[in-house]
Amino acid sequence: HPRQTLDLGSLTGVMGEDEALFLRLHPHVAAHFPDEWLR
C-alpha cells in the first residue's frame, strides 16, 4: 500500500512565496505516485 503522508495542499498554505518543497520518495512509492497528489 504505497502512500504519501503529507497533505500538500495544507502545507503550501504555510509556505512563503519564496519557498519550494522537494519530495524524494522511495522508488516503490514513487512508481505509484498519482498526478493528483500534486494537483
PDB file of all heavy atoms in Angstrom:
ATOM      1  N   HIS A   1       0.843  -1.201   0.000  1.00  0.00           N
ATOM      2  CA  HIS A   1       0.000   0.000   0.000  1.00  0.00           C
ATOM      3  C   HIS A   1       0.882   1.256   0.000  1.00  0.00           C
ATOM      4  O   HIS A   1       1.071   1.903   1.036  1.00  0.00           O
ATOM      5  CB  HIS A   1      -0.925   0.008   1.222  1.00  0.00           C
ATOM      6  CG  HIS A   1      -1.787  -1.217   1.352  1.00  0.00           C
ATOM      7  ND1 HIS A   1      -2.869  -1.445   0.519  1.00  0.00           N
ATOM      8  CD2 HIS A   1      -1.704  -2.281   2.191  1.00  0.00           C
ATOM      9  CE1 HIS A   1      -3.426  -2.596   0.852  1.00  0.00           C
ATOM     10  NE2 HIS A   1      -2.736  -3.126   1.846  1.00  0.00           N
ATOM     11  N   PRO A   2       1.444   1.614  -1.169  1.00  0.00           N
ATOM     12  CA  PRO A   2       2.262   2.828  -1.241  1.00  0.00           C
ATOM     13  C   PRO A   2       1.422   4.051  -0.882  1.00  0.00           C
ATOM     14  O   PRO A   2       0.265   4.162  -1.275  1.00  0.00           O
ATOM     15  CB  PRO A   2       2.699   2.873  -2.715  1.00  0.00           C
ATOM     16  CG  PRO A   2       2.459   1.503  -3.234  1.00  0.00           C
ATOM     17  CD  PRO A   2       1.327   0.937  -2.454  1.00  0.00           C
ATOM     18  N   ARG A   3       2.014   4.993  -0.131  1.00  0.00           N
ATOM     19  CA  ARG A   3       1.258   6.171   0.265  1.00  0.00           C
ATOM     20  C   ARG A   3       2.178   7.373   0.436  1.00  0.00           C
ATOM     21  O   ARG A   3       3.375   7.234   0.639  1.00  0.00           O
ATOM     22  CB  ARG A   3       0.488   5.907   1.565  1.00  0.00           C
ATOM     23  CG  ARG A   3       1.354   5.579   2.769  1.00  0.00           C
ATOM     24  CD  ARG A   3       0.500   5.178   3.959  1.00  0.00           C
ATOM     25  NE  ARG A   3       1.293   4.912   5.155  1.00  0.00           N
ATOM     26  CZ  ARG A   3       1.836   3.743   5.449  1.00  0.00           C
ATOM     27  NH1 ARG A   3       1.675   2.731   4.612  1.00  0.00           N
ATOM     28  NH2 ARG A   3       2.551   3.570   6.547  1.00  0.00           N
ATOM     29  N   GLN A   4       1.567   8.528   0.370  1.00  0.00           N
ATOM     30  CA  GLN A   4       2.248   9.803   0.594  1.00  0.00           C
ATOM     31  C   GLN A   4       1.519  10.451   1.764  1.00  0.00           C
ATOM     32  O   GLN A   4       0.310  10.653   1.718  1.00  0.00           O
ATOM     33  CB  GLN A   4       2.135  10.659  -0.671  1.00  0.00           C
ATOM     34  CG  GLN A   4       3.152  11.785  -0.775  1.00  0.00           C
ATOM     35  CD  GLN A   4       2.877  12.926   0.187  1.00  0.00           C
ATOM     36  OE1 GLN A   4       3.623  13.106   1.141  1.00  0.00           O
ATOM     37  NE2 GLN A   4       1.823  13.666  -0.046  1.00  0.00           N
ATOM     38  N   THR A   5       2.229  10.746   2.846  1.00  0.00           N
ATOM     39  CA  THR A   5       1.573  11.058   4.110  1.00  0.00           C
ATOM     40  C   THR A   5       1.432  12.551   4.401  1.00  0.00           C
ATOM     41  O   THR A   5       0.902  12.914   5.446  1.00  0.00           O
ATOM     42  CB  THR A   5       2.334  10.410   5.274  1.00  0.00           C
ATOM     43  OG1 THR A   5       3.697  10.827   5.225  1.00  0.00           O
ATOM     44  CG2 THR A   5       2.269   8.891   5.166  1.00  0.00           C
ATOM     45  N   LEU A   6       1.902  13.407   3.526  1.00  0.00           N
ATOM     46  CA  LEU A   6       1.744  14.848   3.731  1.00  0.00           C
ATOM     47  C   LEU A   6       0.508  15.350   3.001  1.00  0.00           C
ATOM     48  O   LEU A   6       0.240  14.961   1.862  1.00  0.00           O
ATOM     49  CB  LEU A   6       2.969  15.604   3.212  1.00  0.00           C
ATOM     50  CG  LEU A   6       4.252  15.554   4.044  1.00  0.00           C
ATOM     51  CD1 LEU A   6       5.347  16.347   3.338  1.00  0.00           C
ATOM     52  CD2 LEU A   6       4.035  16.096   5.443  1.00  0.00           C
ATOM     53  N   ASP A   7      -0.239  16.233   3.654  1.00  0.00           N
ATOM     54  CA  ASP A   7      -1.315  16.967   2.988  1.00  0.00           C
ATOM     55  C   ASP A   7      -0.655  18.170   2.325  1.00  0.00           C
ATOM     56  O   ASP A   7      -0.420  19.209   2.957  1.00  0.00           O
ATOM     57  CB  ASP A   7      -2.367  17.408   4.006  1.00  0.00           C
ATOM     58  CG  ASP A   7      -3.532  18.142   3.361  1.00  0.00           C
ATOM     59  OD1 ASP A   7      -3.370  18.659   2.231  1.00  0.00           O
ATOM     60  OD2 ASP A   7      -4.592  18.230   3.991  1.00  0.00           O
ATOM     61  N   LEU A   8      -0.312  18.005   1.052  1.00  0.00           N
ATOM     62  CA  LEU A   8       0.485  19.023   0.363  1.00  0.00           C
ATOM     63  C   LEU A   8      -0.273  20.329   0.214  1.00  0.00           C
ATOM     64  O   LEU A   8       0.304  21.414   0.304  1.00  0.00           O
ATOM     65  CB  LEU A   8       0.929  18.481  -0.999  1.00  0.00           C
ATOM     66  CG  LEU A   8       1.818  17.226  -0.937  1.00  0.00           C
ATOM     67  CD1 LEU A   8       2.096  16.708  -2.335  1.00  0.00           C
ATOM     68  CD2 LEU A   8       3.120  17.518  -0.207  1.00  0.00           C
ATOM     69  N   GLY A   9      -1.578  20.231  -0.009  1.00  0.00           N
ATOM     70  CA  GLY A   9      -2.383  21.447  -0.133  1.00  0.00           C
ATOM     71  C   GLY A   9      -2.346  22.276   1.132  1.00  0.00           C
ATOM     72  O   GLY A   9      -2.186  23.509   1.084  1.00  0.00           O
ATOM     73  N   SER A  10      -2.463  21.609   2.278  1.00  0.00           N
ATOM     74  CA  SER A  10      -2.413  22.312   3.559  1.00  0.00           C
ATOM     75  C   SER A  10      -1.029  22.889   3.812  1.00  0.00           C
ATOM     76  O   SER A  10      -0.882  24.012   4.304  1.00  0.00           O
ATOM     77  CB  SER A  10      -2.800  21.360   4.689  1.00  0.00           C
ATOM     78  OG  SER A  10      -2.676  21.974   5.941  1.00  0.00           O
ATOM     79  N   LEU A  11       0.006  22.110   3.455  1.00  0.00           N
ATOM     80  CA  LEU A  11       1.373  22.549   3.718  1.00  0.00           C
ATOM     81  C   LEU A  11       1.741  23.788   2.904  1.00  0.00           C
ATOM     82  O   LEU A  11       2.420  24.691   3.405  1.00  0.00           O
ATOM     83  CB  LEU A  11       2.343  21.407   3.415  1.00  0.00           C
ATOM     84  CG  LEU A  11       3.766  21.555   3.949  1.00  0.00           C
ATOM     85  CD1 LEU A  11       3.775  21.754   5.455  1.00  0.00           C
ATOM     86  CD2 LEU A  11       4.592  20.343   3.573  1.00  0.00           C
ATOM     87  N   THR A  12       1.292  23.852   1.658  1.00  0.00           N
ATOM     88  CA  THR A  12       1.611  25.029   0.844  1.00  0.00           C
ATOM     89  C   THR A  12       0.980  26.294   1.429  1.00  0.00           C
ATOM     90  O   THR A  12       1.443  27.401   1.141  1.00  0.00           O
ATOM     91  CB  THR A  12       1.141  24.839  -0.613  1.00  0.00           C
ATOM     92  OG1 THR A  12      -0.252  24.507  -0.634  1.00  0.00           O
ATOM     93  CG2 THR A  12       1.937  23.751  -1.305  1.00  0.00           C
ATOM     94  N   GLY A  13      -0.034  26.120   2.277  1.00  0.00           N
ATOM     95  CA  GLY A  13      -0.663  27.282   2.903  1.00  0.00           C
ATOM     96  C   GLY A  13       0.236  27.980   3.911  1.00  0.00           C
ATOM     97  O   GLY A  13       0.017  29.165   4.206  1.00  0.00           O
ATOM     98  N   VAL A  14       1.231  27.281   4.457  1.00  0.00           N
ATOM     99  CA  VAL A  14       2.153  27.905   5.416  1.00  0.00           C
ATOM    100  C   VAL A  14       3.499  28.226   4.766  1.00  0.00           C
ATOM    101  O   VAL A  14       4.377  28.804   5.419  1.00  0.00           O
ATOM    102  CB  VAL A  14       2.355  27.012   6.653  1.00  0.00           C
ATOM    103  CG1 VAL A  14       1.049  26.784   7.370  1.00  0.00           C
ATOM    104  CG2 VAL A  14       3.018  25.685   6.289  1.00  0.00           C
ATOM    105  N   MET A  15       3.663  27.836   3.520  1.00  0.00           N
ATOM    106  CA  MET A  15       4.923  28.113   2.821  1.00  0.00           C
ATOM    107  C   MET A  15       4.926  29.536   2.283  1.00  0.00           C
ATOM    108  O   MET A  15       3.899  30.042   1.839  1.00  0.00           O
ATOM    109  CB  MET A  15       5.122  27.123   1.656  1.00  0.00           C
ATOM    110  CG  MET A  15       5.418  25.699   2.091  1.00  0.00           C
ATOM    111  SD  MET A  15       5.383  24.499   0.715  1.00  0.00           S
ATOM    112  CE  MET A  15       6.598  25.227  -0.401  1.00  0.00           C
ATOM    113  N   GLY A  16       6.086  30.183   2.333  1.00  0.00           N
ATOM    114  CA  GLY A  16       6.226  31.518   1.770  1.00  0.00           C
ATOM    115  C   GLY A  16       6.311  31.476   0.257  1.00  0.00           C
ATOM    116  O   GLY A  16       6.527  30.416  -0.344  1.00  0.00           O
ATOM    117  N   GLU A  17       6.167  32.627  -0.354  1.00  0.00           N
ATOM    118  CA  GLU A  17       6.220  32.709  -1.817  1.00  0.00           C
ATOM    119  C   GLU A  17       7.599  32.353  -2.363  1.00  0.00           C
ATOM    120  O   GLU A  17       7.732  31.958  -3.515  1.00  0.00           O
ATOM    121  CB  GLU A  17       5.825  34.116  -2.282  1.00  0.00           C
ATOM    122  CG  GLU A  17       4.364  34.458  -2.066  1.00  0.00           C
ATOM    123  CD  GLU A  17       3.441  33.539  -2.846  1.00  0.00           C
ATOM    124  OE1 GLU A  17       3.782  33.189  -4.001  1.00  0.00           O
ATOM    125  OE2 GLU A  17       2.389  33.141  -2.301  1.00  0.00           O
ATOM    126  N   ASP A  18       8.604  32.506  -1.520  1.00  0.00           N
ATOM    127  CA  ASP A  18       9.980  32.224  -1.957  1.00  0.00           C
ATOM    128  C   ASP A  18      10.427  30.828  -1.573  1.00  0.00           C
ATOM    129  O   ASP A  18      11.623  30.529  -1.550  1.00  0.00           O
ATOM    130  CB  ASP A  18      10.943  33.247  -1.347  1.00  0.00           C
ATOM    131  CG  ASP A  18      10.986  33.169   0.181  1.00  0.00           C
ATOM    132  OD1 ASP A  18      10.028  32.619   0.771  1.00  0.00           O
ATOM    133  OD2 ASP A  18      11.976  33.642   0.774  1.00  0.00           O
ATOM    134  N   GLU A  19       9.475  29.918  -1.300  1.00  0.00           N
ATOM    135  CA  GLU A  19       9.823  28.574  -0.862  1.00  0.00           C
ATOM    136  C   GLU A  19       9.397  27.513  -1.870  1.00  0.00           C
ATOM    137  O   GLU A  19       8.447  27.715  -2.633  1.00  0.00           O
ATOM    138  CB  GLU A  19       9.150  28.259   0.486  1.00  0.00           C
ATOM    139  CG  GLU A  19       9.715  29.032   1.655  1.00  0.00           C
ATOM    140  CD  GLU A  19       9.147  28.524   2.965  1.00  0.00           C
ATOM    141  OE1 GLU A  19       9.671  27.505   3.473  1.00  0.00           O
ATOM    142  OE2 GLU A  19       8.191  29.118   3.478  1.00  0.00           O
ATOM    143  N   ALA A  20      10.101  26.391  -1.824  1.00  0.00           N
ATOM    144  CA  ALA A  20       9.744  25.217  -2.629  1.00  0.00           C
ATOM    145  C   ALA A  20       9.955  23.974  -1.787  1.00  0.00           C
ATOM    146  O   ALA A  20      10.848  23.930  -0.930  1.00  0.00           O
ATOM    147  CB  ALA A  20      10.591  25.150  -3.892  1.00  0.00           C
ATOM    148  N   LEU A  21       9.113  22.975  -2.024  1.00  0.00           N
ATOM    149  CA  LEU A  21       9.217  21.699  -1.327  1.00  0.00           C
ATOM    150  C   LEU A  21       9.548  20.608  -2.332  1.00  0.00           C
ATOM    151  O   LEU A  21       8.856  20.444  -3.337  1.00  0.00           O
ATOM    152  CB  LEU A  21       7.902  21.364  -0.620  1.00  0.00           C
ATOM    153  CG  LEU A  21       7.816  19.984   0.055  1.00  0.00           C
ATOM    154  CD1 LEU A  21       8.785  19.891   1.234  1.00  0.00           C
ATOM    155  CD2 LEU A  21       6.388  19.689   0.511  1.00  0.00           C
ATOM    156  N   PHE A  22      10.623  19.848  -2.064  1.00  0.00           N
ATOM    157  CA  PHE A  22      11.006  18.710  -2.898  1.00  0.00           C
ATOM    158  C   PHE A  22      10.576  17.416  -2.203  1.00  0.00           C
ATOM    159  O   PHE A  22      10.795  17.249  -1.002  1.00  0.00           O
ATOM    160  CB  PHE A  22      12.527  18.658  -3.094  1.00  0.00           C
ATOM    161  CG  PHE A  22      13.087  19.711  -4.005  1.00  0.00           C
ATOM    162  CD1 PHE A  22      14.456  19.787  -4.227  1.00  0.00           C
ATOM    163  CD2 PHE A  22      12.267  20.634  -4.642  1.00  0.00           C
ATOM    164  CE1 PHE A  22      14.990  20.747  -5.058  1.00  0.00           C
ATOM    165  CE2 PHE A  22      12.790  21.609  -5.471  1.00  0.00           C
ATOM    166  CZ  PHE A  22      14.154  21.670  -5.683  1.00  0.00           C
ATOM    167  N   LEU A  23      10.001  16.502  -2.973  1.00  0.00           N
ATOM    168  CA  LEU A  23       9.665  15.176  -2.468  1.00  0.00           C
ATOM    169  C   LEU A  23      10.669  14.171  -3.011  1.00  0.00           C
ATOM    170  O   LEU A  23      10.890  14.088  -4.223  1.00  0.00           O
ATOM    171  CB  LEU A  23       8.263  14.763  -2.907  1.00  0.00           C
ATOM    172  CG  LEU A  23       7.102  15.706  -2.560  1.00  0.00           C
ATOM    173  CD1 LEU A  23       5.796  15.143  -3.103  1.00  0.00           C
ATOM    174  CD2 LEU A  23       7.007  15.944  -1.067  1.00  0.00           C
ATOM    175  N   ARG A  24      11.277  13.420  -2.116  1.00  0.00           N
ATOM    176  CA  ARG A  24      12.186  12.345  -2.513  1.00  0.00           C
ATOM    177  C   ARG A  24      11.656  11.061  -1.892  1.00  0.00           C
ATOM    178  O   ARG A  24      11.959  10.722  -0.746  1.00  0.00           O
ATOM    179  CB  ARG A  24      13.611  12.625  -2.034  1.00  0.00           C
ATOM    180  CG  ARG A  24      14.628  11.550  -2.446  1.00  0.00           C
ATOM    181  CD  ARG A  24      14.937  11.609  -3.920  1.00  0.00           C
ATOM    182  NE  ARG A  24      15.984  10.670  -4.294  1.00  0.00           N
ATOM    183  CZ  ARG A  24      16.592  10.659  -5.476  1.00  0.00           C
ATOM    184  NH1 ARG A  24      16.251  11.535  -6.405  1.00  0.00           N
ATOM    185  NH2 ARG A  24      17.532   9.794  -5.752  1.00  0.00           N
ATOM    186  N   LEU A  25      10.825  10.347  -2.634  1.00  0.00           N
ATOM    187  CA  LEU A  25      10.150   9.167  -2.127  1.00  0.00           C
ATOM    188  C   LEU A  25      10.889   7.896  -2.540  1.00  0.00           C
ATOM    189  O   LEU A  25      11.638   7.891  -3.531  1.00  0.00           O
ATOM    190  CB  LEU A  25       8.710   9.123  -2.658  1.00  0.00           C
ATOM    191  CG  LEU A  25       7.873  10.391  -2.396  1.00  0.00           C
ATOM    192  CD1 LEU A  25       6.516  10.274  -3.064  1.00  0.00           C
ATOM    193  CD2 LEU A  25       7.717  10.642  -0.903  1.00  0.00           C
ATOM    194  N   HIS A  26      10.675   6.841  -1.798  1.00  0.00           N
ATOM    195  CA  HIS A  26      11.262   5.550  -2.151  1.00  0.00           C
ATOM    196  C   HIS A  26      10.789   5.146  -3.550  1.00  0.00           C
ATOM    197  O   HIS A  26       9.641   5.421  -3.923  1.00  0.00           O
ATOM    198  CB  HIS A  26      10.834   4.497  -1.120  1.00  0.00           C
ATOM    199  CG  HIS A  26      11.480   3.173  -1.315  1.00  0.00           C
ATOM    200  ND1 HIS A  26      10.967   2.218  -2.182  1.00  0.00           N
ATOM    201  CD2 HIS A  26      12.594   2.618  -0.763  1.00  0.00           C
ATOM    202  CE1 HIS A  26      11.745   1.154  -2.145  1.00  0.00           C
ATOM    203  NE2 HIS A  26      12.730   1.363  -1.304  1.00  0.00           N
ATOM    204  N   PRO A  27      11.665   4.489  -4.348  1.00  0.00           N
ATOM    205  CA  PRO A  27      11.277   4.134  -5.720  1.00  0.00           C
ATOM    206  C   PRO A  27       9.947   3.401  -5.827  1.00  0.00           C
ATOM    207  O   PRO A  27       9.179   3.638  -6.762  1.00  0.00           O
ATOM    208  CB  PRO A  27      12.438   3.254  -6.186  1.00  0.00           C
ATOM    209  CG  PRO A  27      13.608   3.746  -5.408  1.00  0.00           C
ATOM    210  CD  PRO A  27      13.070   4.149  -4.068  1.00  0.00           C
ATOM    211  N   HIS A  28       9.649   2.516  -4.877  1.00  0.00           N
ATOM    212  CA  HIS A  28       8.389   1.769  -4.961  1.00  0.00           C
ATOM    213  C   HIS A  28       7.199   2.701  -4.766  1.00  0.00           C
ATOM    214  O   HIS A  28       6.187   2.573  -5.453  1.00  0.00           O
ATOM    215  CB  HIS A  28       8.369   0.654  -3.910  1.00  0.00           C
ATOM    216  CG  HIS A  28       7.139  -0.204  -3.983  1.00  0.00           C
ATOM    217  ND1 HIS A  28       6.935  -1.118  -4.990  1.00  0.00           N
ATOM    218  CD2 HIS A  28       6.038  -0.267  -3.187  1.00  0.00           C
ATOM    219  CE1 HIS A  28       5.768  -1.718  -4.814  1.00  0.00           C
ATOM    220  NE2 HIS A  28       5.201  -1.212  -3.721  1.00  0.00           N
ATOM    221  N   VAL A  29       7.316   3.641  -3.828  1.00  0.00           N
ATOM    222  CA  VAL A  29       6.241   4.612  -3.606  1.00  0.00           C
ATOM    223  C   VAL A  29       6.156   5.564  -4.789  1.00  0.00           C
ATOM    224  O   VAL A  29       5.067   5.870  -5.281  1.00  0.00           O
ATOM    225  CB  VAL A  29       6.473   5.384  -2.295  1.00  0.00           C
ATOM    226  CG1 VAL A  29       5.377   6.422  -2.076  1.00  0.00           C
ATOM    227  CG2 VAL A  29       6.543   4.420  -1.105  1.00  0.00           C
ATOM    228  N   ALA A  30       7.309   6.019  -5.256  1.00  0.00           N
ATOM    229  CA  ALA A  30       7.334   6.960  -6.379  1.00  0.00           C
ATOM    230  C   ALA A  30       6.716   6.362  -7.633  1.00  0.00           C
ATOM    231  O   ALA A  30       6.077   7.065  -8.419  1.00  0.00           O
ATOM    232  CB  ALA A  30       8.766   7.398  -6.656  1.00  0.00           C
ATOM    233  N   ALA A  31       6.887   5.057  -7.820  1.00  0.00           N
ATOM    234  CA  ALA A  31       6.333   4.391  -9.006  1.00  0.00           C
ATOM    235  C   ALA A  31       4.812   4.405  -9.007  1.00  0.00           C
ATOM    236  O   ALA A  31       4.192   4.245 -10.059  1.00  0.00           O
ATOM    237  CB  ALA A  31       6.851   2.960  -9.095  1.00  0.00           C
ATOM    238  N   HIS A  32       4.211   4.585  -7.832  1.00  0.00           N
ATOM    239  CA  HIS A  32       2.749   4.624  -7.715  1.00  0.00           C
ATOM    240  C   HIS A  32       2.260   6.030  -7.350  1.00  0.00           C
ATOM    241  O   HIS A  32       1.197   6.186  -6.772  1.00  0.00           O
ATOM    242  CB  HIS A  32       2.282   3.614  -6.651  1.00  0.00           C
ATOM    243  CG  HIS A  32       2.574   2.192  -7.002  1.00  0.00           C
ATOM    244  ND1 HIS A  32       3.797   1.605  -6.758  1.00  0.00           N
ATOM    245  CD2 HIS A  32       1.815   1.237  -7.596  1.00  0.00           C
ATOM    246  CE1 HIS A  32       3.778   0.349  -7.182  1.00  0.00           C
ATOM    247  NE2 HIS A  32       2.599   0.098  -7.689  1.00  0.00           N
ATOM    248  N   PHE A  33       3.071   7.035  -7.693  1.00  0.00           N
ATOM    249  CA  PHE A  33       2.745   8.424  -7.360  1.00  0.00           C
ATOM    250  C   PHE A  33       1.741   8.970  -8.377  1.00  0.00           C
ATOM    251  O   PHE A  33       2.089   9.203  -9.531  1.00  0.00           O
ATOM    252  CB  PHE A  33       4.020   9.270  -7.389  1.00  0.00           C
ATOM    253  CG  PHE A  33       3.881  10.655  -6.822  1.00  0.00           C
ATOM    254  CD1 PHE A  33       4.325  10.923  -5.537  1.00  0.00           C
ATOM    255  CD2 PHE A  33       3.317  11.685  -7.549  1.00  0.00           C
ATOM    256  CE1 PHE A  33       4.226  12.194  -5.001  1.00  0.00           C
ATOM    257  CE2 PHE A  33       3.198  12.954  -7.023  1.00  0.00           C
ATOM    258  CZ  PHE A  33       3.652  13.208  -5.745  1.00  0.00           C
ATOM    259  N   PRO A  34       0.490   9.206  -7.974  1.00  0.00           N
ATOM    260  CA  PRO A  34      -0.500   9.707  -8.944  1.00  0.00           C
ATOM    261  C   PRO A  34      -0.389  11.215  -9.134  1.00  0.00           C
ATOM    262  O   PRO A  34       0.002  11.945  -8.211  1.00  0.00           O
ATOM    263  CB  PRO A  34      -1.842   9.338  -8.286  1.00  0.00           C
ATOM    264  CG  PRO A  34      -1.548   9.348  -6.827  1.00  0.00           C
ATOM    265  CD  PRO A  34      -0.111   8.922  -6.659  1.00  0.00           C
ATOM    266  N   ASP A  35      -0.743  11.688 -10.312  1.00  0.00           N
ATOM    267  CA  ASP A  35      -0.647  13.115 -10.615  1.00  0.00           C
ATOM    268  C   ASP A  35      -1.492  13.965  -9.674  1.00  0.00           C
ATOM    269  O   ASP A  35      -1.134  15.102  -9.362  1.00  0.00           O
ATOM    270  CB  ASP A  35      -1.085  13.380 -12.064  1.00  0.00           C
ATOM    271  CG  ASP A  35      -0.110  12.785 -13.072  1.00  0.00           C
ATOM    272  OD1 ASP A  35       1.052  12.534 -12.681  1.00  0.00           O
ATOM    273  OD2 ASP A  35      -0.507  12.556 -14.226  1.00  0.00           O
ATOM    274  N   GLU A  36      -2.597  13.398  -9.175  1.00  0.00           N
ATOM    275  CA  GLU A  36      -3.485  14.203  -8.339  1.00  0.00           C
ATOM    276  C   GLU A  36      -2.853  14.584  -7.007  1.00  0.00           C
ATOM    277  O   GLU A  36      -3.324  15.509  -6.341  1.00  0.00           O
ATOM    278  CB  GLU A  36      -4.823  13.493  -8.093  1.00  0.00           C
ATOM    279  CG  GLU A  36      -4.721  12.107  -7.522  1.00  0.00           C
ATOM    280  CD  GLU A  36      -4.820  11.042  -8.610  1.00  0.00           C
ATOM    281  OE1 GLU A  36      -4.440  11.329  -9.761  1.00  0.00           O
ATOM    282  OE2 GLU A  36      -5.290   9.932  -8.306  1.00  0.00           O
ATOM    283  N   TRP A  37      -1.794  13.871  -6.578  1.00  0.00           N
ATOM    284  CA  TRP A  37      -1.127  14.262  -5.338  1.00  0.00           C
ATOM    285  C   TRP A  37      -0.541  15.666  -5.438  1.00  0.00           C
ATOM    286  O   TRP A  37      -0.388  16.353  -4.434  1.00  0.00           O
ATOM    287  CB  TRP A  37      -0.026  13.271  -5.000  1.00  0.00           C
ATOM    288  CG  TRP A  37      -0.522  11.997  -4.377  1.00  0.00           C
ATOM    289  CD1 TRP A  37      -1.815  11.683  -4.071  1.00  0.00           C
ATOM    290  CD2 TRP A  37       0.264  10.862  -3.998  1.00  0.00           C
ATOM    291  NE1 TRP A  37      -1.889  10.426  -3.522  1.00  0.00           N
ATOM    292  CE2 TRP A  37      -0.629   9.888  -3.465  1.00  0.00           C
ATOM    293  CE3 TRP A  37       1.608  10.557  -4.057  1.00  0.00           C
ATOM    294  CZ2 TRP A  37      -0.200   8.659  -2.990  1.00  0.00           C
ATOM    295  CZ3 TRP A  37       2.034   9.320  -3.600  1.00  0.00           C
ATOM    296  CH2 TRP A  37       1.148   8.382  -3.062  1.00  0.00           C
ATOM    297  N   LEU A  38      -0.195  16.098  -6.644  1.00  0.00           N
ATOM    298  CA  LEU A  38       0.407  17.421  -6.818  1.00  0.00           C
ATOM    299  C   LEU A  38      -0.589  18.456  -7.349  1.00  0.00           C
ATOM    300  O   LEU A  38      -0.217  19.599  -7.575  1.00  0.00           O
ATOM    301  CB  LEU A  38       1.602  17.332  -7.782  1.00  0.00           C
ATOM    302  CG  LEU A  38       2.867  16.656  -7.248  1.00  0.00           C
ATOM    303  CD1 LEU A  38       3.960  16.679  -8.310  1.00  0.00           C
ATOM    304  CD2 LEU A  38       3.367  17.338  -5.980  1.00  0.00           C
ATOM    305  N   ARG A  39      -1.831  18.040  -7.526  1.00  0.00           N
ATOM    306  CA  ARG A  39      -2.819  18.961  -8.086  1.00  0.00           C
ATOM    307  C   ARG A  39      -3.006  20.161  -7.159  1.00  0.00           C
ATOM    308  O   ARG A  39      -3.235  20.017  -5.959  1.00  0.00           O
ATOM    309  CB  ARG A  39      -4.146  18.239  -8.310  1.00  0.00           C
ATOM    310  CG  ARG A  39      -5.158  19.048  -9.116  1.00  0.00           C
ATOM    311  CD  ARG A  39      -6.260  18.147  -9.648  1.00  0.00           C
ATOM    312  NE  ARG A  39      -5.742  17.162 -10.597  1.00  0.00           N
ATOM    313  CZ  ARG A  39      -6.224  15.943 -10.718  1.00  0.00           C
ATOM    314  NH1 ARG A  39      -7.220  15.526  -9.943  1.00  0.00           N
ATOM    315  NH2 ARG A  39      -5.706  15.117 -11.620  1.00  0.00           N
TER     316      ARG A  39
END
